Amino acid sequence: MDYTSDTYEVDYHAGLMVITDKLNDTAHMVQLYNRSGRNVTLSQFKSCIRSHGINHACSTFIKLAANQA
């Protein structure tokens, strides 16, 4: 699954999401798991896009990526 906006480019493969900030030329990797250990990255990202739009979803997931480091 690939998502693109003027500001961000998102690639998802095998449970790993890579968000590239086109303005700063930086990439961030995100993986989210629920309490039972299932990868929920893509489903949570799609839900965030539906409720807030792609740019807000990407900026939120970039913040999550920073917390995972």
C-alpha atoms as a PDB file:
ATOM      1  CA  MET A   1       0.000   0.000   0.000  1.00  0.00           C
ATOM      2  CA  ASP A   2       1.350   3.383  -0.958  1.00  0.00           C
ATOM      3  CA  TYR A   3      -0.088   6.716   0.120  1.00  0.00           C
ATOM      4  CA  THR A   4       1.162  10.070  -1.185  1.00  0.00           C
ATOM      5  CA  SER A   5       0.401  13.722  -0.533  1.00  0.00           C
ATOM      6  CA  ASP A   6       2.252  16.928  -1.334  1.00  0.00           C
ATOM      7  CA  THR A   7       4.094  16.641   1.979  1.00  0.00           C
ATOM      8  CA  TYR A   8       4.406  12.907   2.710  1.00  0.00           C
ATOM      9  CA  GLU A   9       4.993   9.587   1.000  1.00  0.00           C
ATOM     10  CA  VAL A  10       4.003   6.400   2.840  1.00  0.00           C
ATOM     11  CA  ASP A  11       5.126   2.871   2.024  1.00  0.00           C
ATOM     12  CA  TYR A  12       3.902  -0.206   3.874  1.00  0.00           C
ATOM     13  CA  HIS A  13       5.405  -3.658   3.507  1.00  0.00           C
ATOM     14  CA  ALA A  14       5.420  -6.718   5.760  1.00  0.00           C
ATOM     15  CA  GLY A  15       4.183  -4.899   8.853  1.00  0.00           C
ATOM     16  CA  LEU A  16       6.555  -1.952   8.600  1.00  0.00           C
ATOM     17  CA  MET A  17       5.413   1.537   7.642  1.00  0.00           C
ATOM     18  CA  VAL A  18       7.935   4.045   6.300  1.00  0.00           C
ATOM     19  CA  ILE A  19       6.812   7.673   6.187  1.00  0.00           C
ATOM     20  CA  THR A  20       8.976  10.041   4.160  1.00  0.00           C
ATOM     21  CA  ASP A  21       8.676  13.759   4.837  1.00  0.00           C
ATOM     22  CA  LYS A  22       9.265  15.307   1.415  1.00  0.00           C
ATOM     23  CA  LEU A  23       9.914  18.789   2.814  1.00  0.00           C
ATOM     24  CA  ASN A  24      12.681  17.717   5.206  1.00  0.00           C
ATOM     25  CA  ASP A  25      13.820  14.667   3.206  1.00  0.00           C
ATOM     26  CA  THR A  26      13.608  12.443   6.301  1.00  0.00           C
ATOM     27  CA  ALA A  27      12.187   8.944   6.724  1.00  0.00           C
ATOM     28  CA  HIS A  28      10.521   7.477   9.807  1.00  0.00           C
ATOM     29  CA  MET A  29       9.654   3.814  10.475  1.00  0.00           C
ATOM     30  CA  VAL A  30       6.595   2.814  12.495  1.00  0.00           C
ATOM     31  CA  GLN A  31       5.176  -0.475  13.780  1.00  0.00           C
ATOM     32  CA  LEU A  32       2.219  -0.634  16.163  1.00  0.00           C
ATOM     33  CA  TYR A  33       1.085  -3.709  18.079  1.00  0.00           C
ATOM     34  CA  ASN A  34      -2.027  -4.327  20.162  1.00  0.00           C
ATOM     35  CA  ARG A  35      -2.045  -6.014  23.566  1.00  0.00           C
ATOM     36  CA  SER A  36      -2.183  -9.499  22.064  1.00  0.00           C
ATOM     37  CA  GLY A  37       0.894  -8.814  19.928  1.00  0.00           C
ATOM     38  CA  ARG A  38      -0.826  -8.365  16.561  1.00  0.00           C
ATOM     39  CA  ASN A  39       0.515  -5.742  14.170  1.00  0.00           C
ATOM     40  CA  VAL A  40      -2.173  -3.064  13.814  1.00  0.00           C
ATOM     41  CA  THR A  41      -0.108  -0.413  12.013  1.00  0.00           C
ATOM     42  CA  LEU A  42      -2.020  -0.358   8.721  1.00  0.00           C
ATOM     43  CA  SER A  43      -5.501  -0.565  10.225  1.00  0.00           C
ATOM     44  CA  GLN A  44      -4.774   2.286  12.652  1.00  0.00           C
ATOM     45  CA  PHE A  45      -3.249   4.382   9.860  1.00  0.00           C
ATOM     46  CA  LYS A  46      -6.280   3.870   7.598  1.00  0.00           C
ATOM     47  CA  SER A  47      -8.608   4.771  10.471  1.00  0.00           C
ATOM     48  CA  CYS A  48      -6.632   7.952  11.133  1.00  0.00           C
ATOM     49  CA  ILE A  49      -6.778   8.902   7.435  1.00  0.00           C
ATOM     50  CA  ARG A  50     -10.559   8.460   7.398  1.00  0.00           C
ATOM     51  CA  SER A  51     -11.064  10.645  10.458  1.00  0.00           C
ATOM     52  CA  HIS A  52      -8.332  13.304  10.036  1.00  0.00           C
ATOM     53  CA  GLY A  53      -6.840  13.163   6.529  1.00  0.00           C
ATOM     54  CA  ILE A  54      -3.495  11.920   5.264  1.00  0.00           C
ATOM     55  CA  ASN A  55      -1.313  14.860   6.356  1.00  0.00           C
ATOM     56  CA  HIS A  56      -2.543  14.743   9.950  1.00  0.00           C
ATOM     57  CA  ALA A  57      -2.258  10.947  10.005  1.00  0.00           C
ATOM     58  CA  CYS A  58       1.338  11.114   8.783  1.00  0.00           C
ATOM     59  CA  SER A  59       2.362  13.796  11.293  1.00  0.00           C
ATOM     60  CA  THR A  60       0.805  11.754  14.116  1.00  0.00           C
ATOM     61  CA  PHE A  61       2.551   8.556  13.053  1.00  0.00           C
ATOM     62  CA  ILE A  62       5.878  10.408  12.776  1.00  0.00           C
ATOM     63  CA  LYS A  63       5.451  11.397  16.422  1.00  0.00           C
ATOM     64  CA  LEU A  64       4.761   7.743  17.262  1.00  0.00           C
ATOM     65  CA  ALA A  65       7.926   6.740  15.401  1.00  0.00           C
ATOM     66  CA  ALA A  66       9.958   9.141  17.548  1.00  0.00           C
ATOM     67  CA  ASN A  67       8.557   7.516  20.697  1.00  0.00           C
ATOM     68  CA  GLN A  68       9.604   4.058  19.477  1.00  0.00           C
ATOM     69  CA  ALA A  69      13.278   4.966  19.122  1.00  0.00           C
END
